[in-house]
Structure formats: structure tokens, C-alpha cells
Amino acid sequence: MRTVPTVDDLTVDWVRDNLGVAHAVSVAVESVGAGQVANCYRLRVQCEDATTRTFIAKTPSADETSRATAALQRLYEREVAFYEHLAPLISTRTPACHFARRDDEDNFLLVLEDLSATMNIDQFSGITLDVARAGLRELAGLHGPTHARDDLHDAEWLGAVAQSLRPLYAAVVPILFDQFLERYDQRIDHDTRQLVSTLRERLDDYGDYATPHPVVTHGDFRTDNLLVELDGEHIAVVDWQTIGVGSPMLDVAYFLSTSLGPDDCARHDEELLAYYVERLARFGVVYDWSLARREYARYTLQPIVMLVCASVIVEQTDRGDLMFLEMIRRAVVAASRWHALEEVGRRAVAQ
């Protein structure tokens, strides 16, 4: 039985009862965003005093493929749990949550702060160094407070999810790599094809690693999931469906290698990595520099793994194809420059 409101249920009475807007007189709903796994709407609430309040409502995708993907990976469960349990513990700027509910049929509703006074970043153009530093500060604000928190990491909605999904990923990810290579064969260059093919054969070695610095990771920390404040110096982070537990570098390498243009990444990623390590130290986390570099090298492969899979399991769109292929191309350049496969091989031999 469904126990979660749909977007059609967000009436004046519902807003009054659940969002604390006692003087609401009308509610207008409009679709916003271009998410492929969930739908977002802006609620425009008119009040008796002629003021307007706005909120963002997030609901399951209407696309059957995307919704099945979300259910399989427990994406909705993880995001609702993030706002219920984790958001209050970290210093990362996130939207304030006004309502969060999910039922046993994986229906969910989040009503969040509307950050429309912020600016989206174009995934294709690449970020500035100032935005890169702002993003790294927010990552430190997530990683620092959750570092080595076994009590948190073992929660059913966090670490236990990852453990439950490991057999599934081990069986399915190689098949998704094959599907990617077949679908995009005519649209990827030689270097991308070669690295993806080689990584497909090394997935077990890549996944068989435990960092000495486990933290809660965002899992999809890229420009489409960041909103820049109008001052251009601060950002807010959204889309917490892929939270997990792992190395801080999983997020850092994913962010820098896919969000900076390849030339800027080559010139500045080591400098930015040092900046992140210094920010993390403010939370009392001492991250050995040589280890940070080795883990960064390893996790330049993370966007390739994630985006190769995502590109063939969510609803296919023209923008989605362009985004996935550009981000994978950038990650391939970074992984090649950092000799990521060699790092994976060294670790495999050491074990």
C-alpha cells in the first residue's frame, strides 16, 4: 500500500500541514531539472500576505528503466536516509530538508530548500580553480566528520547497502562494460576503447582495496550535482543517492578528473589535491601525502567505472550520451597521466 504522497497530492492543505506554511492559499507545480534517476519539481506557494514561498520536491522517476535501476541499487533509500540521518552531522552545504518519507514499495518524497538563487555549472565547459577549491572544501566537510566512524559506516542504509550489492556488481558490471563498448563503439576514440577494455579485465583487482581512511563518500560528486552561490565562492551539494563508504579519493579524483578541463586538470590537480589534504587536516585527519597520491591515482578510474555503467542502465538521452562520453574521456586522460592501471597492478601484487 502506498503511504507516500505523489506530486499531485501536494495541495494547499498538504503544504499547510506538512511544510508549516499556515497561510498558503495556492500551490503551483512545475517540472525542473534534467535528472535521469528521479524527477524534481518546484512548488510555488502563494500566501495570504501576497508573499511566495518555493520548495523543491523530488520523487521517483517516471521512466521504468531508471526506476528499476534506482530500486536495484537502493538509490532512493540512500538519499532519504542521508537527509534523515547524515545531513545534520556534516558541515557540507546541502539543501535544508522539510519533508522526507519513503515506503516499502520504494515510493519516496523529499521536499527541500529551493536553491534557485544559486547557479548550475555547465558540465561541459569545465570549472574554474576557485570552484574546484570550493568543491574540495565541501568534500572535506563531508569526509572529515565521517572519518573512521564505524558506528555510522555500518548502518543498514550505508555500509550494509554496499556490502549487499557487491555480488550483484561483480556479476553485472563486466556485462555493462561490454554493452558500453558495443553501444558507443563508433563514438569513442582509441585511447578510451583501450582503457575501458583493459579495465574491464581488471575490475576484480580494482575493487579489491580497502583504504585506511574510510569516510562517507558522495559517490557522484560532479558539476551537475553542485550549485554555485551567487558570490561565486561557495557551493551547495545535491543528489545524495549514491552515498557509500570508501576512500576520500574516490570523490576527490572523480570530481577533479571529470569537472576540470583536461588541460587545467593536468596543470593543477596535484596542487588541488594538496589543498584538499590540508582542508581535511582541519578535521583532525592526517592523510599521508604519498598515500593520498597513490589513492588519487587509483580512483581516477572511478568515474570510468561509474559512468560506463550509468550510460547503459539509465534512460538514454542525447544530453546524457554527450555528458557520459565527455566525462569518461576526461577521466581516461587523467587515469593515463596518473598511470592508474599500474597503481592497481602494484596493489594487486602487494596483496
Protein backbone atom coordinates (compact mmCIF):
# COMPACT_ATOMS: atom_id res chain seq x y z
CA MET A 1 0.00 0.00 0.00
CA ARG A 2 1.34 3.39 -0.99
CA THR A 3 1.95 5.66 2.01
CA VAL A 4 3.97 8.43 0.33
CA PRO A 5 2.31 11.43 -1.34
CA THR A 6 2.69 11.90 -5.09
CA VAL A 7 3.36 15.30 -6.59
CA ASP A 8 -0.38 15.54 -7.32
CA ASP A 9 -1.07 15.25 -3.59
CA LEU A 10 0.88 18.41 -2.76
CA THR A 11 -2.19 20.56 -2.29
CA VAL A 12 -2.69 23.69 -0.22
CA ASP A 13 -3.91 21.60 2.71
CA TRP A 14 -0.89 19.31 2.47
CA VAL A 15 1.52 22.25 2.35
CA ARG A 16 -0.15 23.82 5.37
CA ASP A 17 0.00 20.58 7.36
CA ASN A 18 3.48 19.39 6.39
CA LEU A 19 5.61 22.39 5.45
CA GLY A 20 4.48 24.83 8.11
CA VAL A 21 3.09 27.37 5.66
CA ALA A 22 -0.10 28.07 7.59
CA HIS A 23 -1.26 30.91 5.37
CA ALA A 24 -0.86 29.19 1.99
CA VAL A 25 -3.68 29.91 -0.46
CA SER A 26 -2.44 28.23 -3.66
CA VAL A 27 0.24 25.84 -4.89
CA ALA A 28 1.67 25.74 -8.42
CA VAL A 29 3.90 22.85 -9.51
CA GLU A 30 6.42 22.96 -12.36
CA SER A 31 8.97 20.41 -13.50
CA VAL A 32 12.62 21.45 -13.11
CA GLY A 33 16.00 19.89 -13.79
CA ALA A 34 17.10 17.14 -16.13
CA GLY A 35 17.71 14.26 -13.72
CA GLN A 36 17.72 10.75 -15.16
CA VAL A 37 17.03 8.74 -11.99
CA ALA A 38 14.48 10.94 -10.21
CA ASN A 39 12.08 13.79 -11.03
CA CYS A 40 12.25 17.26 -9.49
CA TYR A 41 9.52 19.89 -9.23
CA ARG A 42 9.34 23.41 -7.91
CA LEU A 43 6.43 24.15 -5.60
CA ARG A 44 5.43 27.80 -5.77
CA VAL A 45 3.28 28.55 -2.72
CA GLN A 46 1.28 31.78 -2.64
CA CYS A 47 0.43 33.07 0.84
CA GLU A 48 -2.34 35.28 2.17
CA ASP A 49 0.04 38.21 2.62
CA ALA A 50 0.94 38.10 -1.13
CA THR A 51 4.37 36.59 -0.44
CA THR A 52 5.63 33.50 -2.25
CA ARG A 53 7.47 30.51 -0.78
CA THR A 54 9.20 28.00 -3.03
CA PHE A 55 10.37 24.44 -2.39
CA ILE A 56 11.87 21.63 -4.45
CA ALA A 57 10.04 18.29 -4.43
CA LYS A 58 11.90 15.17 -5.51
CA THR A 59 10.04 11.99 -6.50
CA PRO A 60 10.78 8.67 -8.24
CA SER A 61 11.45 8.69 -11.96
CA ALA A 62 8.52 8.04 -14.27
CA ASP A 63 10.83 6.04 -16.55
CA GLU A 64 10.60 2.32 -15.79
CA THR A 65 14.26 1.63 -16.62
CA SER A 66 15.55 4.43 -14.40
CA ARG A 67 13.21 3.46 -11.58
CA ALA A 68 14.27 -0.18 -11.77
CA THR A 69 17.90 0.90 -11.70
CA ALA A 70 17.22 3.04 -8.62
CA ALA A 71 15.47 0.17 -6.84
CA LEU A 72 18.24 -2.29 -7.67
CA GLN A 73 20.91 -0.01 -6.20
CA ARG A 74 18.69 1.30 -3.37
CA LEU A 75 19.31 4.85 -4.51
CA TYR A 76 16.09 6.33 -3.15
CA GLU A 77 16.57 4.61 0.20
CA ARG A 78 20.07 6.05 0.49
CA GLU A 79 19.10 9.62 -0.36
CA VAL A 80 16.14 9.74 2.03
CA ALA A 81 18.36 8.28 4.77
CA PHE A 82 21.01 10.89 4.04
CA TYR A 83 18.61 13.74 4.78
CA GLU A 84 17.16 11.96 7.79
CA HIS A 85 20.39 10.83 9.46
CA LEU A 86 23.58 12.20 7.92
CA ALA A 87 22.97 15.77 6.79
CA PRO A 88 22.85 17.08 10.39
CA LEU A 89 26.28 15.58 11.13
CA ILE A 90 28.35 17.20 8.39
CA SER A 91 29.40 20.74 7.51
CA THR A 92 28.85 20.34 3.76
CA ARG A 93 26.30 22.84 2.43
CA THR A 94 23.19 20.92 1.38
CA PRO A 95 19.55 21.94 0.88
CA ALA A 96 17.56 22.06 4.08
CA CYS A 97 15.08 19.18 4.18
CA HIS A 98 11.45 19.98 5.06
CA PHE A 99 9.92 16.55 4.43
CA ALA A 100 11.37 13.07 3.86
CA ARG A 101 9.46 9.81 3.51
CA ARG A 102 9.85 6.50 1.70
CA ASP A 103 7.69 3.36 1.77
CA ASP A 104 8.30 -0.36 1.24
CA GLU A 105 7.43 -0.06 -2.46
CA ASP A 106 10.28 2.43 -2.96
CA ASN A 107 7.96 5.38 -3.42
CA PHE A 108 9.54 8.45 -1.87
CA LEU A 109 9.10 12.18 -1.47
CA LEU A 110 11.68 14.74 -0.46
CA VAL A 111 10.76 18.40 -0.08
CA LEU A 112 13.89 20.50 0.04
CA GLU A 113 15.04 24.08 0.26
CA ASP A 114 14.85 25.80 -3.12
CA LEU A 115 18.35 26.94 -4.02
CA SER A 116 17.25 28.82 -7.13
CA ALA A 117 19.39 31.77 -6.05
CA THR A 118 22.38 29.62 -6.98
CA MET A 119 23.81 28.84 -10.40
CA ASN A 120 24.19 25.48 -12.09
CA ILE A 121 27.59 24.72 -13.55
CA ASP A 122 27.81 23.51 -17.13
CA GLN A 123 29.32 20.02 -17.03
CA PHE A 124 30.81 20.51 -20.48
CA SER A 125 32.65 23.80 -20.03
CA GLY A 126 34.76 22.82 -17.03
CA ILE A 127 35.04 24.55 -13.67
CA THR A 128 37.36 27.31 -12.52
CA LEU A 129 40.05 26.73 -9.93
CA ASP A 130 38.04 28.74 -7.41
CA VAL A 131 35.06 26.44 -7.86
CA ALA A 132 37.38 23.43 -7.64
CA ARG A 133 38.65 24.64 -4.26
CA ALA A 134 35.11 25.35 -3.09
CA GLY A 135 34.13 21.81 -4.04
CA LEU A 136 37.09 20.36 -2.18
CA ARG A 137 36.15 22.34 0.93
CA GLU A 138 32.68 20.82 0.81
CA LEU A 139 34.15 17.35 0.34
CA ALA A 140 36.35 17.87 3.40
CA GLY A 141 33.19 18.90 5.25
CA LEU A 142 31.68 15.51 4.38
CA HIS A 143 34.77 13.36 4.80
CA GLY A 144 36.20 14.89 7.96
CA PRO A 145 33.20 14.39 10.29
CA THR A 146 32.59 10.87 8.96
CA HIS A 147 36.21 9.65 9.01
CA ALA A 148 36.60 6.23 10.68
CA ARG A 149 33.03 6.36 12.04
CA ASP A 150 32.37 2.63 12.19
CA ASP A 151 29.12 3.20 14.05
CA LEU A 152 27.89 5.24 11.10
CA HIS A 153 29.52 3.24 8.32
CA ASP A 154 27.84 0.01 9.40
CA ALA A 155 24.32 1.46 9.23
CA GLU A 156 21.88 -0.59 7.16
CA TRP A 157 21.30 2.29 4.74
CA LEU A 158 25.01 2.95 4.22
CA GLY A 159 27.78 0.38 4.53
CA ALA A 160 25.38 -2.54 4.64
CA VAL A 161 23.92 -1.45 1.30
CA ALA A 162 27.34 -1.55 -0.32
CA GLN A 163 28.08 -4.99 1.09
CA SER A 164 24.75 -6.35 -0.09
CA LEU A 165 25.38 -5.02 -3.60
CA ARG A 166 28.92 -6.38 -4.03
CA PRO A 167 27.88 -9.77 -5.51
CA LEU A 168 25.46 -8.05 -7.87
CA TYR A 169 28.08 -5.57 -9.07
CA ALA A 170 30.66 -8.31 -9.52
CA ALA A 171 28.27 -10.18 -11.81
CA VAL A 172 26.75 -7.26 -13.68
CA VAL A 173 29.47 -4.62 -14.14
CA PRO A 174 31.54 -6.62 -16.70
CA ILE A 175 28.37 -7.09 -18.77
CA LEU A 176 27.69 -3.34 -18.62
CA PHE A 177 31.24 -2.66 -19.83
CA ASP A 178 30.59 -4.94 -22.81
CA GLN A 179 27.32 -3.15 -23.55
CA PHE A 180 29.05 0.23 -23.38
CA LEU A 181 31.76 -0.83 -25.80
CA GLU A 182 29.14 -2.13 -28.20
CA ARG A 183 26.77 0.85 -27.94
CA TYR A 184 29.41 3.58 -28.25
CA ASP A 185 31.96 1.82 -30.45
CA GLN A 186 31.69 4.44 -33.20
CA ARG A 187 31.75 7.38 -30.76
CA ILE A 188 34.82 6.72 -28.61
CA ASP A 189 38.48 7.16 -29.52
CA HIS A 190 41.18 4.52 -29.45
CA ASP A 191 42.55 5.50 -26.03
CA THR A 192 39.12 5.33 -24.42
CA ARG A 193 38.32 1.99 -26.01
CA GLN A 194 41.64 0.53 -24.95
CA LEU A 195 41.49 1.71 -21.34
CA VAL A 196 37.86 0.67 -20.88
CA SER A 197 38.63 -2.76 -22.35
CA THR A 198 41.68 -3.24 -20.13
CA LEU A 199 39.86 -2.05 -17.03
CA ARG A 200 37.03 -4.47 -17.79
CA GLU A 201 39.53 -7.31 -17.32
CA ARG A 202 40.94 -5.76 -14.13
CA LEU A 203 37.69 -4.99 -12.30
CA ASP A 204 38.34 -7.53 -9.54
CA ASP A 205 41.75 -6.01 -8.82
CA TYR A 206 40.31 -2.50 -8.90
CA GLY A 207 37.51 -3.32 -6.47
CA ASP A 208 39.68 -5.33 -4.08
CA TYR A 209 41.01 -2.45 -2.00
CA ALA A 210 40.29 -1.13 1.49
CA THR A 211 41.53 2.33 2.37
CA PRO A 212 43.00 3.02 5.83
CA HIS A 213 40.93 6.24 5.82
CA PRO A 214 37.29 5.17 5.33
CA VAL A 215 34.80 8.04 5.08
CA VAL A 216 31.28 8.55 3.83
CA THR A 217 31.54 9.30 0.12
CA HIS A 218 29.09 11.19 -2.07
CA GLY A 219 29.78 8.84 -4.98
CA ASP A 220 28.75 11.18 -7.81
CA PHE A 221 30.49 14.44 -6.94
CA ARG A 222 30.46 16.30 -10.25
CA THR A 223 29.39 19.66 -11.54
CA ASP A 224 25.80 18.68 -12.38
CA ASN A 225 25.34 17.97 -8.66
CA LEU A 226 26.84 21.27 -7.45
CA LEU A 227 25.15 24.64 -7.18
CA VAL A 228 27.32 27.75 -7.01
CA GLU A 229 26.27 30.54 -4.67
CA LEU A 230 25.97 33.93 -6.35
CA ASP A 231 29.19 35.10 -4.70
CA GLY A 232 30.99 32.52 -6.82
CA GLU A 233 32.98 31.27 -3.83
CA HIS A 234 30.61 28.81 -2.13
CA ILE A 235 28.69 25.82 -3.39
CA ALA A 236 25.86 23.57 -2.27
CA VAL A 237 25.82 19.85 -2.95
CA VAL A 238 22.76 17.90 -4.11
CA ASP A 239 21.84 14.38 -5.29
CA TRP A 240 22.90 12.13 -2.42
CA GLN A 241 21.60 8.87 -3.92
CA THR A 242 24.99 7.19 -4.26
CA ILE A 243 26.43 7.70 -0.78
CA GLY A 244 28.70 4.92 0.43
CA VAL A 245 31.83 4.22 2.44
CA GLY A 246 35.29 4.33 0.90
CA SER A 247 38.44 6.32 0.28
CA PRO A 248 38.20 10.13 0.29
CA MET A 249 39.97 10.00 -3.06
CA LEU A 250 37.00 8.26 -4.64
CA ASP A 251 35.22 11.63 -4.52
CA VAL A 252 38.26 13.87 -4.99
CA ALA A 253 39.57 12.12 -8.10
CA TYR A 254 36.07 11.76 -9.55
CA PHE A 255 35.45 15.48 -9.04
CA LEU A 256 38.70 16.88 -10.37
CA SER A 257 39.19 14.50 -13.29
CA THR A 258 35.68 14.99 -14.70
CA SER A 259 34.93 18.60 -13.77
CA LEU A 260 38.14 20.38 -14.74
CA GLY A 261 39.04 20.66 -18.38
CA PRO A 262 41.85 18.18 -19.21
CA ASP A 263 44.49 20.91 -19.56
CA ASP A 264 43.58 22.53 -16.23
CA CYS A 265 43.46 19.13 -14.60
CA ALA A 266 46.95 18.29 -15.83
CA ARG A 267 48.34 21.61 -14.61
CA HIS A 268 46.58 21.90 -11.27
CA ASP A 269 45.23 18.60 -9.90
CA GLU A 270 48.27 17.88 -7.71
CA GLU A 271 48.13 21.40 -6.26
CA LEU A 272 44.40 20.96 -5.63
CA LEU A 273 44.99 17.56 -4.07
CA ALA A 274 47.40 19.18 -1.60
CA TYR A 275 44.77 21.81 -0.85
CA TYR A 276 42.21 19.10 -0.06
CA VAL A 277 44.63 17.22 2.24
CA GLU A 278 45.22 20.46 4.15
CA ARG A 279 41.46 21.09 4.48
CA LEU A 280 40.92 17.53 5.72
CA ALA A 281 43.61 18.03 8.35
CA ARG A 282 41.43 20.74 9.90
CA PHE A 283 39.11 17.92 10.96
CA GLY A 284 42.00 16.09 12.62
CA VAL A 285 42.55 13.62 9.77
CA VAL A 286 46.25 13.10 8.96
CA TYR A 287 46.44 11.81 5.38
CA ASP A 288 49.96 10.75 4.40
CA TRP A 289 50.87 12.57 1.19
CA SER A 290 52.30 9.53 -0.61
CA LEU A 291 49.18 7.52 0.24
CA ALA A 292 46.95 10.35 -0.91
CA ARG A 293 48.73 10.44 -4.27
CA ARG A 294 48.53 6.65 -4.70
CA GLU A 295 44.84 6.56 -3.85
CA TYR A 296 44.16 9.56 -6.10
CA ALA A 297 45.86 7.73 -8.97
CA ARG A 298 43.77 4.62 -8.35
CA TYR A 299 40.49 6.48 -8.19
CA THR A 300 40.93 8.37 -11.43
CA LEU A 301 39.41 5.10 -12.68
CA GLN A 302 36.26 5.55 -10.57
CA PRO A 303 34.40 7.85 -13.00
CA ILE A 304 35.11 5.40 -15.79
CA VAL A 305 33.60 2.53 -13.81
CA MET A 306 30.59 4.50 -12.68
CA LEU A 307 29.83 6.34 -15.90
CA VAL A 308 30.36 3.38 -18.22
CA CYS A 309 27.73 1.55 -16.18
CA ALA A 310 25.38 4.52 -15.82
CA SER A 311 25.42 5.23 -19.53
CA VAL A 312 23.75 1.90 -20.33
CA ILE A 313 21.33 1.49 -17.40
CA VAL A 314 19.51 4.82 -17.23
CA GLU A 315 17.13 6.32 -19.74
CA GLN A 316 19.16 7.19 -22.85
CA THR A 317 19.04 10.84 -23.91
CA ASP A 318 21.13 12.94 -26.30
CA ARG A 319 22.41 15.13 -23.47
CA GLY A 320 23.08 12.09 -21.32
CA ASP A 321 25.18 10.47 -24.04
CA LEU A 322 27.22 13.63 -24.58
CA MET A 323 27.74 14.09 -20.84
CA PHE A 324 28.77 10.49 -20.17
CA LEU A 325 31.20 10.35 -23.09
CA GLU A 326 32.83 13.68 -22.28
CA MET A 327 33.29 12.82 -18.61
CA ILE A 328 34.68 9.38 -19.47
CA ARG A 329 37.06 10.96 -21.98
CA ARG A 330 38.36 13.37 -19.33
CA ALA A 331 38.78 10.55 -16.83
CA VAL A 332 40.68 8.45 -19.37
CA VAL A 333 43.13 11.32 -19.89
CA ALA A 334 43.65 11.70 -16.13
CA ALA A 335 43.92 7.95 -15.49
CA SER A 336 46.50 7.60 -18.24
CA ARG A 337 48.54 10.53 -16.91
CA TRP A 338 48.47 9.13 -13.35
CA HIS A 339 49.23 5.55 -14.53
CA ALA A 340 46.14 4.34 -12.71
CA LEU A 341 46.19 0.79 -14.04
CA GLU A 342 49.81 0.42 -12.93
CA GLU A 343 48.79 1.52 -9.43
CA VAL A 344 46.00 -1.08 -9.40
CA GLY A 345 48.52 -3.71 -10.52
CA ARG A 346 51.05 -2.78 -7.83
CA ARG A 347 48.40 -3.11 -5.14
CA ALA A 348 47.23 -6.46 -6.53
CA VAL A 349 50.79 -7.84 -6.41
CA ALA A 350 51.32 -6.48 -2.88
CA GLN A 351 48.29 -8.35 -1.62
